[in-house]
Amino acid sequence: MKTMILAAGLGTRLRPLTEAIPKPMIPVVNKPVMELVVELLARQGLRDLHANVHYKADEIIDYFGEGRRWAVDLKYSREHALAGTAGGLKLLEQHFRNDTFVVFSSDLLTDIELAPMIAFHKRSGALATIALTRVDDPSSYGVVTLNTQGRVTGFQEKPARAEAVSNLINCGVYIFEPAVFDYIPSGRPFDFGSDLFPLLFESGAALCGYEHHKYWLDIGRIENYRKGNFDALIGKVHVNLPGHNISKGIWVGKDTQIHHSAEMIGPVSIGASCQIQKNTRIIGPVIIGNNNIINEGTLLQETIKMPNGHVAPNVNMIGGIIGESRPIELVYT
């Protein structure tokens, strides 16, 4: 089954982190979040992939290439002007016109199982099926209501918490039949949440929702980005952590050097080509990206240091996110 990965967004909710990095390349435990999506799809047998790209598109394409490292076939649709989520799909109509297909957002951290959702979609006879999950506070999401057969009965877009009619929210994972293209116009921006799904609902098309009960988090917000990193680090969601497990809860990447006087208490993930200098203290959860120097006397606790850069000597950082810097040349002492 073919799958489209939505990877063209600007990542405005993650600024300033996305000033230097396109959102699909934002690292979660030292892997681009889109890589985690590709790994999940590959594990579930979805290997025929297309991604739409726009902002810093070359960085995404250079990293993933044709997808061979993940045993997938990955192709790209470059959007010179943003077409919207559904409009980006419309540009790929020729590739998805022949069979049921999946659409998956690139900024999701999730263990969703797609086979049961696909089976539900087929049984229901739906034109479109939206993956749904329950949250405590739906005020930042698109809320969906269902009947007992799983048919969508209404939408609320980012309601006030007290006014939400449901805590079931749109997860950014969809299954469509090719006839959905008949509802998506060409030549202008068009979105799933604000345009396509209301149109399908109003026209009486078979629009269903599938509630899943696996881990799910949209990391496209700063507060969720921090939570998602730490959840992945402690194993709340399935992620193949990069590097080697050198001791309990401590993962270290290739060519990283750690001074013998450094103190580390897991969970900690340190990327490749880093230098952890003397008398440093790293108290997990902590994630340090590739190509970083953590200078002597520094304390990091509950902190994320993104790739490329350094932390100055004798700094105490607790509960922070430190962004990406220019690449550095490491000098080992």
C-alpha atoms as a PDB file:
ATOM      1  CA  MET A   1       0.000   0.000   0.000  1.00  0.00           C
ATOM      2  CA  LYS A   2       1.348   3.426  -0.957  1.00  0.00           C
ATOM      3  CA  THR A   3       1.888   6.108   1.680  1.00  0.00           C
ATOM      4  CA  MET A   4       2.325   9.868   1.504  1.00  0.00           C
ATOM      5  CA  ILE A   5       4.411  11.560   4.204  1.00  0.00           C
ATOM      6  CA  LEU A   6       3.474  15.202   4.806  1.00  0.00           C
ATOM      7  CA  ALA A   7       6.848  16.967   5.076  1.00  0.00           C
ATOM      8  CA  ALA A   8       6.392  20.387   3.470  1.00  0.00           C
ATOM      9  CA  GLY A   9       5.409  22.499   6.486  1.00  0.00           C
ATOM     10  CA  LEU A  10       7.366  25.483   7.777  1.00  0.00           C
ATOM     11  CA  GLY A  11       7.413  24.320  11.402  1.00  0.00           C
ATOM     12  CA  THR A  12       6.373  27.746  12.703  1.00  0.00           C
ATOM     13  CA  ARG A  13       5.185  26.346  16.050  1.00  0.00           C
ATOM     14  CA  LEU A  14       8.706  25.032  16.696  1.00  0.00           C
ATOM     15  CA  ARG A  15      10.523  28.282  16.041  1.00  0.00           C
ATOM     16  CA  PRO A  16      13.262  29.196  16.806  1.00  0.00           C
ATOM     17  CA  LEU A  17      14.380  25.539  16.551  1.00  0.00           C
ATOM     18  CA  THR A  18      13.231  25.349  12.924  1.00  0.00           C
ATOM     19  CA  GLU A  19      15.105  28.466  11.853  1.00  0.00           C
ATOM     20  CA  ALA A  20      18.101  26.208  11.167  1.00  0.00           C
ATOM     21  CA  ILE A  21      16.436  22.805  10.654  1.00  0.00           C
ATOM     22  CA  PRO A  22      13.346  21.828   8.606  1.00  0.00           C
ATOM     23  CA  LYS A  23      10.680  20.326  10.851  1.00  0.00           C
ATOM     24  CA  PRO A  24      10.977  16.750   9.487  1.00  0.00           C
ATOM     25  CA  MET A  25      14.680  16.853  10.418  1.00  0.00           C
ATOM     26  CA  ILE A  26      14.134  17.991  14.031  1.00  0.00           C
ATOM     27  CA  PRO A  27      15.906  15.330  16.114  1.00  0.00           C
ATOM     28  CA  VAL A  28      14.124  13.092  18.580  1.00  0.00           C
ATOM     29  CA  VAL A  29      16.706  11.164  20.603  1.00  0.00           C
ATOM     30  CA  ASN A  30      19.253  11.989  17.912  1.00  0.00           C
ATOM     31  CA  LYS A  31      17.241  10.856  14.909  1.00  0.00           C
ATOM     32  CA  PRO A  32      15.188  13.111  12.623  1.00  0.00           C
ATOM     33  CA  VAL A  33      11.532  12.740  13.559  1.00  0.00           C
ATOM     34  CA  MET A  34      10.712  11.822   9.954  1.00  0.00           C
ATOM     35  CA  GLU A  35      13.189   8.949  10.227  1.00  0.00           C
ATOM     36  CA  LEU A  36      11.131   7.560  13.095  1.00  0.00           C
ATOM     37  CA  VAL A  37       8.060   7.770  10.844  1.00  0.00           C
ATOM     38  CA  VAL A  38       9.876   5.983   8.008  1.00  0.00           C
ATOM     39  CA  GLU A  39      11.050   3.268  10.420  1.00  0.00           C
ATOM     40  CA  LEU A  40       7.514   2.776  11.740  1.00  0.00           C
ATOM     41  CA  LEU A  41       6.071   2.516   8.221  1.00  0.00           C
ATOM     42  CA  ALA A  42       8.796   0.068   7.148  1.00  0.00           C
ATOM     43  CA  ARG A  43       8.199  -2.128  10.228  1.00  0.00           C
ATOM     44  CA  GLN A  44       4.549  -2.354   9.242  1.00  0.00           C
ATOM     45  CA  GLY A  45       5.265  -3.253   5.633  1.00  0.00           C
ATOM     46  CA  LEU A  46       4.534   0.140   4.065  1.00  0.00           C
ATOM     47  CA  ARG A  47       7.565   0.698   1.851  1.00  0.00           C
ATOM     48  CA  ASP A  48       6.246   2.556  -1.213  1.00  0.00           C
ATOM     49  CA  LEU A  49       6.558   6.128   0.061  1.00  0.00           C
ATOM     50  CA  HIS A  50       6.169   9.645  -1.327  1.00  0.00           C
ATOM     51  CA  ALA A  51       6.961  12.836   0.587  1.00  0.00           C
ATOM     52  CA  ASN A  52       6.083  16.415  -0.291  1.00  0.00           C
ATOM     53  CA  VAL A  53       8.863  18.858   0.595  1.00  0.00           C
ATOM     54  CA  HIS A  54       9.232  22.639   0.551  1.00  0.00           C
ATOM     55  CA  TYR A  55      11.148  24.378   3.359  1.00  0.00           C
ATOM     56  CA  LYS A  56      14.863  23.433   3.253  1.00  0.00           C
ATOM     57  CA  ALA A  57      13.859  20.589   0.942  1.00  0.00           C
ATOM     58  CA  ASP A  58      17.419  19.710  -0.054  1.00  0.00           C
ATOM     59  CA  GLU A  59      18.342  18.869   3.548  1.00  0.00           C
ATOM     60  CA  ILE A  60      15.530  16.322   3.703  1.00  0.00           C
ATOM     61  CA  ILE A  61      16.310  14.818   0.304  1.00  0.00           C
ATOM     62  CA  ASP A  62      20.063  14.667   0.973  1.00  0.00           C
ATOM     63  CA  TYR A  63      19.492  12.777   4.227  1.00  0.00           C
ATOM     64  CA  PHE A  64      16.884  10.255   3.103  1.00  0.00           C
ATOM     65  CA  GLY A  65      17.828   9.852  -0.546  1.00  0.00           C
ATOM     66  CA  GLU A  66      15.819   7.075  -2.152  1.00  0.00           C
ATOM     67  CA  GLY A  67      15.218   5.414   1.202  1.00  0.00           C
ATOM     68  CA  ARG A  68      17.498   2.422   0.680  1.00  0.00           C
ATOM     69  CA  ARG A  69      18.973   2.578   4.203  1.00  0.00           C
ATOM     70  CA  TRP A  70      15.485   1.803   5.553  1.00  0.00           C
ATOM     71  CA  ALA A  71      14.587  -0.687   2.793  1.00  0.00           C
ATOM     72  CA  VAL A  72      11.890   1.622   1.431  1.00  0.00           C
ATOM     73  CA  ASP A  73      11.336   3.320  -1.919  1.00  0.00           C
ATOM     74  CA  LEU A  74      11.051   7.056  -1.237  1.00  0.00           C
ATOM     75  CA  LYS A  75      10.150   9.646  -3.864  1.00  0.00           C
ATOM     76  CA  TYR A  76       9.619  13.393  -3.497  1.00  0.00           C
ATOM     77  CA  SER A  77       7.249  16.103  -4.633  1.00  0.00           C
ATOM     78  CA  ARG A  78       8.851  19.557  -4.439  1.00  0.00           C
ATOM     79  CA  GLU A  79       6.348  22.307  -3.703  1.00  0.00           C
ATOM     80  CA  HIS A  80       7.711  25.666  -4.826  1.00  0.00           C
ATOM     81  CA  ALA A  81       4.681  27.269  -3.182  1.00  0.00           C
ATOM     82  CA  LEU A  82       2.886  25.561  -0.316  1.00  0.00           C
ATOM     83  CA  ALA A  83      -0.210  23.754  -1.563  1.00  0.00           C
ATOM     84  CA  GLY A  84      -1.752  22.883   1.810  1.00  0.00           C
ATOM     85  CA  THR A  85      -1.899  19.364   3.200  1.00  0.00           C
ATOM     86  CA  ALA A  86      -4.638  18.124   0.855  1.00  0.00           C
ATOM     87  CA  GLY A  87      -3.345  20.277  -2.002  1.00  0.00           C
ATOM     88  CA  GLY A  88       0.039  18.583  -1.674  1.00  0.00           C
ATOM     89  CA  LEU A  89      -1.706  15.236  -1.995  1.00  0.00           C
ATOM     90  CA  LYS A  90      -3.532  16.481  -5.103  1.00  0.00           C
ATOM     91  CA  LEU A  91      -0.166  17.135  -6.760  1.00  0.00           C
ATOM     92  CA  LEU A  92       0.581  13.419  -6.358  1.00  0.00           C
ATOM     93  CA  GLU A  93      -2.776  12.233  -7.683  1.00  0.00           C
ATOM     94  CA  GLN A  94      -1.262  10.221 -10.523  1.00  0.00           C
ATOM     95  CA  HIS A  95       0.658   8.058  -8.015  1.00  0.00           C
ATOM     96  CA  PHE A  96      -2.328   7.313  -5.749  1.00  0.00           C
ATOM     97  CA  ARG A  97      -5.221   6.964  -8.195  1.00  0.00           C
ATOM     98  CA  ASN A  98      -5.326   3.164  -8.325  1.00  0.00           C
ATOM     99  CA  ASP A  99      -5.778   1.874  -4.781  1.00  0.00           C
ATOM    100  CA  THR A 100      -6.377   2.615  -1.101  1.00  0.00           C
ATOM    101  CA  PHE A 101      -3.528   4.645   0.397  1.00  0.00           C
ATOM    102  CA  VAL A 102      -2.233   6.124   3.666  1.00  0.00           C
ATOM    103  CA  VAL A 103      -1.266   9.708   4.529  1.00  0.00           C
ATOM    104  CA  PHE A 104       1.030  10.224   7.529  1.00  0.00           C
ATOM    105  CA  SER A 105       2.293  13.476   9.081  1.00  0.00           C
ATOM    106  CA  SER A 106       6.068  13.709   9.428  1.00  0.00           C
ATOM    107  CA  ASP A 107       6.070  15.303  12.895  1.00  0.00           C
ATOM    108  CA  LEU A 108       4.402  12.477  14.803  1.00  0.00           C
ATOM    109  CA  LEU A 109       5.882  10.312  17.520  1.00  0.00           C
ATOM    110  CA  THR A 110       3.643   7.279  17.705  1.00  0.00           C
ATOM    111  CA  ASP A 111       3.295   3.502  17.933  1.00  0.00           C
ATOM    112  CA  ILE A 112       0.023   3.431  15.991  1.00  0.00           C
ATOM    113  CA  GLU A 113      -0.679   0.086  14.342  1.00  0.00           C
ATOM    114  CA  LEU A 114      -1.921   0.655  10.813  1.00  0.00           C
ATOM    115  CA  ALA A 115      -3.111  -2.863   9.924  1.00  0.00           C
ATOM    116  CA  PRO A 116      -6.158  -2.745  12.268  1.00  0.00           C
ATOM    117  CA  MET A 117      -6.967   0.765  11.053  1.00  0.00           C
ATOM    118  CA  ILE A 118      -6.781  -0.342   7.417  1.00  0.00           C
ATOM    119  CA  ALA A 119      -9.020  -3.353   8.196  1.00  0.00           C
ATOM    120  CA  PHE A 120     -11.559  -1.056   9.888  1.00  0.00           C
ATOM    121  CA  HIS A 121     -11.461   1.289   6.892  1.00  0.00           C
ATOM    122  CA  LYS A 122     -12.160  -1.570   4.488  1.00  0.00           C
ATOM    123  CA  ARG A 123     -15.010  -2.979   6.606  1.00  0.00           C
ATOM    124  CA  SER A 124     -16.656   0.411   6.984  1.00  0.00           C
ATOM    125  CA  GLY A 125     -16.693   1.181   3.278  1.00  0.00           C
ATOM    126  CA  ALA A 126     -15.388   4.657   4.072  1.00  0.00           C
ATOM    127  CA  LEU A 127     -14.037   7.082   1.525  1.00  0.00           C
ATOM    128  CA  ALA A 128     -11.761   8.482   4.240  1.00  0.00           C
ATOM    129  CA  THR A 129     -10.805   7.316   7.723  1.00  0.00           C
ATOM    130  CA  ILE A 130      -9.178   9.595  10.302  1.00  0.00           C
ATOM    131  CA  ALA A 131      -7.000   8.157  13.091  1.00  0.00           C
ATOM    132  CA  LEU A 132      -8.168   9.492  16.458  1.00  0.00           C
ATOM    133  CA  THR A 133      -6.840   9.453  19.999  1.00  0.00           C
ATOM    134  CA  ARG A 134      -8.044  10.793  23.348  1.00  0.00           C
ATOM    135  CA  VAL A 135      -6.277  13.656  25.113  1.00  0.00           C
ATOM    136  CA  ASP A 136      -6.863  15.426  28.412  1.00  0.00           C
ATOM    137  CA  ASP A 137      -6.980  18.885  26.834  1.00  0.00           C
ATOM    138  CA  PRO A 138      -8.253  19.028  23.227  1.00  0.00           C
ATOM    139  CA  SER A 139      -8.085  22.830  22.947  1.00  0.00           C
ATOM    140  CA  SER A 140      -5.036  22.771  20.624  1.00  0.00           C
ATOM    141  CA  TYR A 141      -6.414  20.148  18.246  1.00  0.00           C
ATOM    142  CA  GLY A 142      -9.196  19.326  15.835  1.00  0.00           C
ATOM    143  CA  VAL A 143     -11.924  17.528  17.789  1.00  0.00           C
ATOM    144  CA  VAL A 144     -14.046  14.811  16.165  1.00  0.00           C
ATOM    145  CA  THR A 145     -17.304  13.191  17.270  1.00  0.00           C
ATOM    146  CA  LEU A 146     -18.459   9.736  16.148  1.00  0.00           C
ATOM    147  CA  ASN A 147     -21.552   7.573  16.216  1.00  0.00           C
ATOM    148  CA  THR A 148     -21.473   3.959  17.415  1.00  0.00           C
ATOM    149  CA  GLN A 149     -20.524   2.714  13.925  1.00  0.00           C
ATOM    150  CA  GLY A 150     -17.470   4.986  13.776  1.00  0.00           C
ATOM    151  CA  ARG A 151     -19.039   7.453  11.347  1.00  0.00           C
ATOM    152  CA  VAL A 152     -18.008  11.086  11.858  1.00  0.00           C
ATOM    153  CA  THR A 153     -20.873  13.188  13.216  1.00  0.00           C
ATOM    154  CA  GLY A 154     -19.122  16.513  13.715  1.00  0.00           C
ATOM    155  CA  PHE A 155     -15.951  18.598  14.028  1.00  0.00           C
ATOM    156  CA  GLN A 156     -14.687  21.287  16.390  1.00  0.00           C
ATOM    157  CA  GLU A 157     -11.483  23.154  15.576  1.00  0.00           C
ATOM    158  CA  LYS A 158      -9.413  23.965  18.697  1.00  0.00           C
ATOM    159  CA  PRO A 159     -12.348  24.533  21.065  1.00  0.00           C
ATOM    160  CA  ALA A 160     -11.907  26.027  24.516  1.00  0.00           C
ATOM    161  CA  ARG A 161     -11.384  23.164  26.933  1.00  0.00           C
ATOM    162  CA  ALA A 162     -14.707  23.743  28.680  1.00  0.00           C
ATOM    163  CA  GLU A 163     -16.541  23.873  25.348  1.00  0.00           C
ATOM    164  CA  ALA A 164     -15.098  20.726  23.763  1.00  0.00           C
ATOM    165  CA  VAL A 165     -17.813  18.225  22.873  1.00  0.00           C
ATOM    166  CA  SER A 166     -15.305  15.369  22.846  1.00  0.00           C
ATOM    167  CA  ASN A 167     -11.698  14.610  23.747  1.00  0.00           C
ATOM    168  CA  LEU A 168     -11.159  12.602  20.562  1.00  0.00           C
ATOM    169  CA  ILE A 169      -8.718  14.419  18.316  1.00  0.00           C
ATOM    170  CA  ASN A 170      -7.394  14.115  14.773  1.00  0.00           C
ATOM    171  CA  CYS A 171      -3.993  12.337  14.846  1.00  0.00           C
ATOM    172  CA  GLY A 172      -2.694  13.376  11.418  1.00  0.00           C
ATOM    173  CA  VAL A 173      -2.898   9.819  10.031  1.00  0.00           C
ATOM    174  CA  TYR A 174      -5.460   9.097   7.309  1.00  0.00           C
ATOM    175  CA  ILE A 175      -6.576   6.340   4.959  1.00  0.00           C
ATOM    176  CA  PHE A 176      -8.237   7.304   1.687  1.00  0.00           C
ATOM    177  CA  GLU A 177      -9.862   5.763  -1.333  1.00  0.00           C
ATOM    178  CA  PRO A 178      -8.774   7.267  -4.674  1.00  0.00           C
ATOM    179  CA  ALA A 179     -12.201   8.872  -5.188  1.00  0.00           C
ATOM    180  CA  VAL A 180     -11.204  11.447  -2.572  1.00  0.00           C
ATOM    181  CA  PHE A 181      -9.325  13.297  -5.315  1.00  0.00           C
ATOM    182  CA  ASP A 182     -12.687  14.286  -6.791  1.00  0.00           C
ATOM    183  CA  TYR A 183     -13.200  16.537  -3.738  1.00  0.00           C
ATOM    184  CA  ILE A 184      -9.789  18.258  -3.822  1.00  0.00           C
ATOM    185  CA  PRO A 185      -9.513  21.232  -6.197  1.00  0.00           C
ATOM    186  CA  SER A 186      -6.392  21.921  -8.249  1.00  0.00           C
ATOM    187  CA  GLY A 187      -4.436  25.131  -8.348  1.00  0.00           C
ATOM    188  CA  ARG A 188      -5.096  26.529  -4.885  1.00  0.00           C
ATOM    189  CA  PRO A 189      -4.123  25.689  -1.290  1.00  0.00           C
ATOM    190  CA  PHE A 190      -6.404  23.146   0.349  1.00  0.00           C
ATOM    191  CA  ASP A 191      -6.079  21.522   3.791  1.00  0.00           C
ATOM    192  CA  PHE A 192      -7.389  18.310   5.277  1.00  0.00           C
ATOM    193  CA  GLY A 193      -8.681  19.692   8.573  1.00  0.00           C
ATOM    194  CA  SER A 194     -10.159  23.020   7.540  1.00  0.00           C
ATOM    195  CA  ASP A 195     -11.257  22.198   3.978  1.00  0.00           C
ATOM    196  CA  LEU A 196     -11.451  18.561   2.890  1.00  0.00           C
ATOM    197  CA  PHE A 197     -12.982  16.868   5.928  1.00  0.00           C
ATOM    198  CA  PRO A 198     -15.743  19.470   6.412  1.00  0.00           C
ATOM    199  CA  LEU A 199     -16.492  19.190   2.689  1.00  0.00           C
ATOM    200  CA  LEU A 200     -16.745  15.397   2.875  1.00  0.00           C
ATOM    201  CA  PHE A 201     -18.955  15.638   5.961  1.00  0.00           C
ATOM    202  CA  GLU A 202     -21.289  18.208   4.425  1.00  0.00           C
ATOM    203  CA  SER A 203     -21.571  16.272   1.169  1.00  0.00           C
ATOM    204  CA  GLY A 204     -22.573  13.090   2.987  1.00  0.00           C
ATOM    205  CA  ALA A 205     -19.511  11.103   1.920  1.00  0.00           C
ATOM    206  CA  ALA A 206     -18.567   8.092   4.049  1.00  0.00           C
ATOM    207  CA  LEU A 207     -16.159   9.695   6.532  1.00  0.00           C
ATOM    208  CA  CYS A 208     -15.114   7.559   9.492  1.00  0.00           C
ATOM    209  CA  GLY A 209     -12.901   7.829  12.552  1.00  0.00           C
ATOM    210  CA  TYR A 210     -10.731   5.097  14.028  1.00  0.00           C
ATOM    211  CA  GLU A 211      -9.744   5.418  17.693  1.00  0.00           C
ATOM    212  CA  HIS A 212      -6.369   3.884  18.491  1.00  0.00           C
ATOM    213  CA  HIS A 213      -4.888   3.319  21.945  1.00  0.00           C
ATOM    214  CA  LYS A 214      -1.152   3.389  21.266  1.00  0.00           C
ATOM    215  CA  TYR A 215       1.293   6.152  22.133  1.00  0.00           C
ATOM    216  CA  TRP A 216       0.819   9.327  20.099  1.00  0.00           C
ATOM    217  CA  LEU A 217       2.283  12.824  20.315  1.00  0.00           C
ATOM    218  CA  ASP A 218       2.456  15.716  17.855  1.00  0.00           C
ATOM    219  CA  ILE A 219       5.988  17.043  18.474  1.00  0.00           C
ATOM    220  CA  GLY A 220       5.292  20.183  16.455  1.00  0.00           C
ATOM    221  CA  ARG A 221       5.024  22.279  19.625  1.00  0.00           C
ATOM    222  CA  ILE A 222       7.951  23.174  21.870  1.00  0.00           C
ATOM    223  CA  GLU A 223       6.398  21.701  25.013  1.00  0.00           C
ATOM    224  CA  ASN A 224       5.553  18.462  23.176  1.00  0.00           C
ATOM    225  CA  TYR A 225       8.977  18.333  21.566  1.00  0.00           C
ATOM    226  CA  ARG A 226      10.624  18.169  24.984  1.00  0.00           C
ATOM    227  CA  LYS A 227       8.111  15.611  26.303  1.00  0.00           C
ATOM    228  CA  GLY A 228       8.428  13.427  23.202  1.00  0.00           C
ATOM    229  CA  ASN A 229      12.221  13.286  23.417  1.00  0.00           C
ATOM    230  CA  PHE A 230      12.135  12.198  27.034  1.00  0.00           C
ATOM    231  CA  ASP A 231       9.277   9.722  26.483  1.00  0.00           C
ATOM    232  CA  ALA A 232      11.283   8.083  23.690  1.00  0.00           C
ATOM    233  CA  LEU A 233      14.422   8.055  25.808  1.00  0.00           C
ATOM    234  CA  ILE A 234      12.717   6.170  28.652  1.00  0.00           C
ATOM    235  CA  GLY A 235      10.875   3.758  26.337  1.00  0.00           C
ATOM    236  CA  LYS A 236       7.285   5.010  26.485  1.00  0.00           C
ATOM    237  CA  VAL A 237       7.258   4.830  22.676  1.00  0.00           C
ATOM    238  CA  HIS A 238       9.201   2.410  20.489  1.00  0.00           C
ATOM    239  CA  VAL A 239      12.341   4.030  19.083  1.00  0.00           C
ATOM    240  CA  ASN A 240      15.550   2.309  17.992  1.00  0.00           C
ATOM    241  CA  LEU A 241      17.981   4.484  19.936  1.00  0.00           C
ATOM    242  CA  PRO A 242      21.163   5.271  17.995  1.00  0.00           C
ATOM    243  CA  GLY A 243      24.627   4.552  19.357  1.00  0.00           C
ATOM    244  CA  HIS A 244      25.851   1.945  21.848  1.00  0.00           C
ATOM    245  CA  ASN A 245      24.422   1.197  25.270  1.00  0.00           C
ATOM    246  CA  ILE A 246      27.579   1.641  27.367  1.00  0.00           C
ATOM    247  CA  SER A 247      25.837   1.243  30.733  1.00  0.00           C
ATOM    248  CA  LYS A 248      22.336   1.205  32.151  1.00  0.00           C
ATOM    249  CA  GLY A 249      20.276   3.902  30.458  1.00  0.00           C
ATOM    250  CA  ILE A 250      23.255   5.564  28.723  1.00  0.00           C
ATOM    251  CA  TRP A 251      23.592   5.538  24.920  1.00  0.00           C
ATOM    252  CA  VAL A 252      26.639   6.982  23.150  1.00  0.00           C
ATOM    253  CA  GLY A 253      27.243   7.565  19.444  1.00  0.00           C
ATOM    254  CA  LYS A 254      30.270   6.804  17.272  1.00  0.00           C
ATOM    255  CA  ASP A 255      33.532   8.729  17.820  1.00  0.00           C
ATOM    256  CA  THR A 256      32.299  10.380  21.013  1.00  0.00           C
ATOM    257  CA  GLN A 257      34.884  10.830  23.764  1.00  0.00           C
ATOM    258  CA  ILE A 258      33.946  11.039  27.434  1.00  0.00           C
ATOM    259  CA  HIS A 259      36.467  12.120  30.072  1.00  0.00           C
ATOM    260  CA  HIS A 260      36.910   9.576  32.852  1.00  0.00           C
ATOM    261  CA  SER A 261      35.936  12.171  35.487  1.00  0.00           C
ATOM    262  CA  ALA A 262      32.553  12.902  33.886  1.00  0.00           C
ATOM    263  CA  GLU A 263      29.531  11.776  35.909  1.00  0.00           C
ATOM    264  CA  MET A 264      26.494  10.468  34.049  1.00  0.00           C
ATOM    265  CA  ILE A 265      23.221   9.203  35.448  1.00  0.00           C
ATOM    266  CA  GLY A 266      20.747   7.840  32.894  1.00  0.00           C
ATOM    267  CA  PRO A 267      18.649   8.051  30.952  1.00  0.00           C
ATOM    268  CA  VAL A 268      21.103   9.826  28.646  1.00  0.00           C
ATOM    269  CA  SER A 269      21.570   9.789  24.866  1.00  0.00           C
ATOM    270  CA  ILE A 270      24.758  11.344  23.459  1.00  0.00           C
ATOM    271  CA  GLY A 271      25.175  11.630  19.714  1.00  0.00           C
ATOM    272  CA  ALA A 272      28.155  10.946  17.463  1.00  0.00           C
ATOM    273  CA  SER A 273      31.408  12.953  17.403  1.00  0.00           C
ATOM    274  CA  CYS A 274      30.864  14.639  20.756  1.00  0.00           C
ATOM    275  CA  GLN A 275      33.316  15.532  23.477  1.00  0.00           C
ATOM    276  CA  ILE A 276      32.305  15.360  27.144  1.00  0.00           C
ATOM    277  CA  GLN A 277      35.052  17.117  29.068  1.00  0.00           C
ATOM    278  CA  LYS A 278      36.338  16.648  32.589  1.00  0.00           C
ATOM    279  CA  ASN A 279      34.260  17.221  35.693  1.00  0.00           C
ATOM    280  CA  THR A 280      30.997  17.451  33.758  1.00  0.00           C
ATOM    281  CA  ARG A 281      27.774  16.149  35.308  1.00  0.00           C
ATOM    282  CA  ILE A 282      24.974  14.849  33.070  1.00  0.00           C
ATOM    283  CA  ILE A 283      21.877  13.903  35.034  1.00  0.00           C
ATOM    284  CA  GLY A 284      19.136  12.363  32.922  1.00  0.00           C
ATOM    285  CA  PRO A 285      16.923  12.675  31.183  1.00  0.00           C
ATOM    286  CA  VAL A 286      19.432  14.420  28.901  1.00  0.00           C
ATOM    287  CA  ILE A 287      19.851  14.283  25.131  1.00  0.00           C
ATOM    288  CA  ILE A 288      22.980  15.693  23.483  1.00  0.00           C
ATOM    289  CA  GLY A 289      22.982  15.877  19.689  1.00  0.00           C
ATOM    290  CA  ASN A 290      25.789  15.042  17.288  1.00  0.00           C
ATOM    291  CA  ASN A 291      28.932  17.229  17.073  1.00  0.00           C
ATOM    292  CA  ASN A 292      28.798  18.905  20.470  1.00  0.00           C
ATOM    293  CA  ILE A 293      31.382  19.848  23.075  1.00  0.00           C
ATOM    294  CA  ILE A 294      30.182  19.868  26.674  1.00  0.00           C
ATOM    295  CA  ASN A 295      32.912  21.887  28.354  1.00  0.00           C
ATOM    296  CA  GLU A 296      34.432  21.147  31.745  1.00  0.00           C
ATOM    297  CA  GLY A 297      32.540  21.798  34.925  1.00  0.00           C
ATOM    298  CA  THR A 298      29.156  21.901  33.204  1.00  0.00           C
ATOM    299  CA  LEU A 299      25.972  20.444  34.685  1.00  0.00           C
ATOM    300  CA  LEU A 300      23.163  19.338  32.353  1.00  0.00           C
ATOM    301  CA  GLN A 301      19.931  18.004  33.835  1.00  0.00           C
ATOM    302  CA  GLU A 302      16.585  17.386  32.077  1.00  0.00           C
ATOM    303  CA  THR A 303      18.053  19.162  29.062  1.00  0.00           C
ATOM    304  CA  ILE A 304      18.131  18.750  25.298  1.00  0.00           C
ATOM    305  CA  LYS A 305      21.185  20.061  23.422  1.00  0.00           C
ATOM    306  CA  MET A 306      20.531  19.987  19.703  1.00  0.00           C
ATOM    307  CA  PRO A 307      23.293  19.082  17.221  1.00  0.00           C
ATOM    308  CA  ASN A 308      26.379  21.145  16.413  1.00  0.00           C
ATOM    309  CA  GLY A 309      27.821  23.477  19.001  1.00  0.00           C
ATOM    310  CA  HIS A 310      29.001  23.591  22.561  1.00  0.00           C
ATOM    311  CA  VAL A 311      28.008  24.394  26.114  1.00  0.00           C
ATOM    312  CA  ALA A 312      30.398  26.820  27.824  1.00  0.00           C
ATOM    313  CA  PRO A 313      32.446  25.787  30.883  1.00  0.00           C
ATOM    314  CA  ASN A 314      30.861  25.772  34.340  1.00  0.00           C
ATOM    315  CA  VAL A 315      27.297  26.264  33.081  1.00  0.00           C
ATOM    316  CA  ASN A 316      24.358  24.822  35.010  1.00  0.00           C
ATOM    317  CA  MET A 317      21.460  24.038  32.670  1.00  0.00           C
ATOM    318  CA  ILE A 318      18.346  22.428  34.110  1.00  0.00           C
ATOM    319  CA  GLY A 319      15.192  21.881  32.067  1.00  0.00           C
ATOM    320  CA  GLY A 320      16.360  23.710  28.938  1.00  0.00           C
ATOM    321  CA  ILE A 321      16.479  23.221  25.179  1.00  0.00           C
ATOM    322  CA  ILE A 322      19.661  24.530  23.555  1.00  0.00           C
ATOM    323  CA  GLY A 323      19.394  25.022  19.799  1.00  0.00           C
ATOM    324  CA  GLU A 324      21.695  24.095  16.939  1.00  0.00           C
ATOM    325  CA  SER A 325      24.880  26.045  16.233  1.00  0.00           C
ATOM    326  CA  ARG A 326      27.299  26.134  13.339  1.00  0.00           C
ATOM    327  CA  PRO A 327      29.295  22.907  12.840  1.00  0.00           C
ATOM    328  CA  ILE A 328      32.486  22.814  14.893  1.00  0.00           C
ATOM    329  CA  GLU A 329      35.883  21.200  14.661  1.00  0.00           C
ATOM    330  CA  LEU A 330      36.579  19.095  17.732  1.00  0.00           C
ATOM    331  CA  VAL A 331      39.963  19.298  19.443  1.00  0.00           C
ATOM    332  CA  TYR A 332      40.493  16.464  21.896  1.00  0.00           C
ATOM    333  CA  THR A 333      42.589  16.970  25.040  1.00  0.00           C
END
